[in-house]
N, C-alpha and C. Protein backbone atom coordinates (compact mmCIF):
# COMPACT_ATOMS: atom_id res chain seq x y z
N UNK A 1 0.84 -1.19 0.00
CA UNK A 1 0.00 0.00 0.00
C UNK A 1 0.88 1.25 0.00
N UNK A 2 0.54 2.17 -0.84
CA UNK A 2 1.34 3.38 -1.02
C UNK A 2 1.47 4.25 0.22
N UNK A 3 0.41 4.37 1.00
CA UNK A 3 0.40 5.30 2.12
C UNK A 3 0.34 4.61 3.47
N UNK A 4 0.79 3.38 3.54
CA UNK A 4 0.83 2.63 4.80
C UNK A 4 1.66 3.41 5.81
N UNK A 5 1.16 3.53 7.03
CA UNK A 5 1.83 4.24 8.13
C UNK A 5 2.00 5.73 7.88
N UNK A 6 1.18 6.32 7.03
CA UNK A 6 1.21 7.76 6.78
C UNK A 6 -0.08 8.38 7.30
N UNK A 7 0.01 9.64 7.71
CA UNK A 7 -1.15 10.40 8.16
C UNK A 7 -1.47 11.47 7.14
N UNK A 8 -2.77 11.67 6.88
CA UNK A 8 -3.21 12.66 5.90
C UNK A 8 -4.33 13.49 6.53
N UNK A 9 -4.25 14.80 6.36
CA UNK A 9 -5.31 15.71 6.80
C UNK A 9 -5.94 16.31 5.55
N UNK A 10 -7.26 16.21 5.45
CA UNK A 10 -7.97 16.76 4.30
C UNK A 10 -9.07 17.68 4.79
N UNK A 11 -9.02 18.94 4.33
CA UNK A 11 -10.10 19.88 4.64
C UNK A 11 -11.09 19.85 3.49
N UNK A 12 -12.32 20.13 3.80
CA UNK A 12 -13.36 20.09 2.77
C UNK A 12 -13.71 18.69 2.35
N UNK A 13 -13.63 17.75 3.28
CA UNK A 13 -13.82 16.33 2.94
C UNK A 13 -15.26 15.85 3.11
N UNK A 14 -16.19 16.75 3.31
CA UNK A 14 -17.58 16.35 3.49
C UNK A 14 -18.27 15.89 2.22
N UNK A 15 -17.74 16.34 1.08
CA UNK A 15 -18.37 15.97 -0.19
C UNK A 15 -17.40 16.26 -1.34
N UNK A 16 -17.76 15.85 -2.50
CA UNK A 16 -17.01 16.18 -3.71
C UNK A 16 -15.60 15.63 -3.76
N UNK A 17 -14.69 16.47 -4.27
CA UNK A 17 -13.30 16.05 -4.45
C UNK A 17 -12.64 15.70 -3.12
N UNK A 18 -12.90 16.50 -2.09
CA UNK A 18 -12.30 16.23 -0.78
C UNK A 18 -12.69 14.87 -0.24
N UNK A 19 -13.97 14.52 -0.38
CA UNK A 19 -14.43 13.22 0.09
C UNK A 19 -13.76 12.10 -0.69
N UNK A 20 -13.69 12.24 -2.00
CA UNK A 20 -13.07 11.21 -2.83
C UNK A 20 -11.59 11.04 -2.50
N UNK A 21 -10.90 12.16 -2.26
CA UNK A 21 -9.49 12.08 -1.87
C UNK A 21 -9.34 11.34 -0.54
N UNK A 22 -10.19 11.68 0.43
CA UNK A 22 -10.12 11.02 1.73
C UNK A 22 -10.32 9.51 1.59
N UNK A 23 -11.31 9.12 0.82
CA UNK A 23 -11.56 7.69 0.61
C UNK A 23 -10.39 7.03 -0.11
N UNK A 24 -9.84 7.70 -1.10
CA UNK A 24 -8.72 7.15 -1.85
C UNK A 24 -7.49 6.94 -0.98
N UNK A 25 -7.16 7.93 -0.15
CA UNK A 25 -6.02 7.77 0.75
C UNK A 25 -6.26 6.63 1.74
N UNK A 26 -7.46 6.54 2.28
CA UNK A 26 -7.78 5.46 3.21
C UNK A 26 -7.66 4.10 2.54
N UNK A 27 -8.10 4.00 1.31
CA UNK A 27 -7.99 2.73 0.58
C UNK A 27 -6.54 2.33 0.36
N UNK A 28 -5.64 3.32 0.33
CA UNK A 28 -4.22 3.05 0.13
C UNK A 28 -3.46 2.91 1.45
N UNK A 29 -4.19 2.82 2.57
CA UNK A 29 -3.57 2.51 3.85
C UNK A 29 -3.29 3.67 4.77
N UNK A 30 -3.61 4.89 4.37
CA UNK A 30 -3.34 6.06 5.20
C UNK A 30 -4.34 6.18 6.34
N UNK A 31 -3.89 6.79 7.42
CA UNK A 31 -4.80 7.22 8.47
C UNK A 31 -5.25 8.61 8.07
N UNK A 32 -6.57 8.82 7.96
CA UNK A 32 -7.09 10.06 7.39
C UNK A 32 -7.89 10.83 8.44
N UNK A 33 -7.53 12.09 8.62
CA UNK A 33 -8.29 13.02 9.45
C UNK A 33 -9.02 13.94 8.49
N UNK A 34 -10.34 14.00 8.61
CA UNK A 34 -11.12 14.83 7.69
C UNK A 34 -11.74 16.01 8.44
N UNK A 35 -11.94 17.09 7.71
CA UNK A 35 -12.59 18.27 8.26
C UNK A 35 -13.61 18.76 7.23
N UNK A 36 -14.75 19.15 7.72
CA UNK A 36 -15.76 19.77 6.87
C UNK A 36 -16.53 20.74 7.73
N UNK A 37 -16.99 21.80 7.14
CA UNK A 37 -17.64 22.85 7.91
C UNK A 37 -19.16 22.84 7.80
N UNK A 38 -19.69 22.52 6.62
CA UNK A 38 -21.12 22.73 6.42
C UNK A 38 -21.90 21.53 5.92
N UNK A 39 -21.26 20.50 5.47
CA UNK A 39 -21.96 19.39 4.83
C UNK A 39 -22.52 18.43 5.87
N UNK A 40 -23.79 18.52 6.15
CA UNK A 40 -24.40 17.62 7.14
C UNK A 40 -24.29 16.16 6.74
N UNK A 41 -24.43 15.85 5.44
CA UNK A 41 -24.33 14.46 5.03
C UNK A 41 -22.93 13.92 5.26
N UNK A 42 -21.94 14.80 5.38
CA UNK A 42 -20.58 14.36 5.66
C UNK A 42 -20.40 13.82 7.07
N UNK A 43 -21.38 14.07 7.94
CA UNK A 43 -21.29 13.60 9.31
C UNK A 43 -21.50 12.09 9.40
N UNK A 44 -22.08 11.52 8.39
CA UNK A 44 -22.30 10.07 8.39
C UNK A 44 -21.00 9.36 8.13
N UNK A 45 -20.87 8.16 8.68
CA UNK A 45 -19.69 7.36 8.36
C UNK A 45 -19.83 6.85 6.94
N UNK A 46 -18.72 6.85 6.21
CA UNK A 46 -18.74 6.37 4.84
C UNK A 46 -18.81 4.91 4.88
């Protein structure tokens, strides 16, 4: 896995490109911290 044992912080991860990036990094083994300000649907676990 490309990002095994790496940490990633993504802002704007509640939807759109930010969400897809967060999912992609997680799929590659990264520990992902996400932040979103307004997207209520982003509060759900993916």
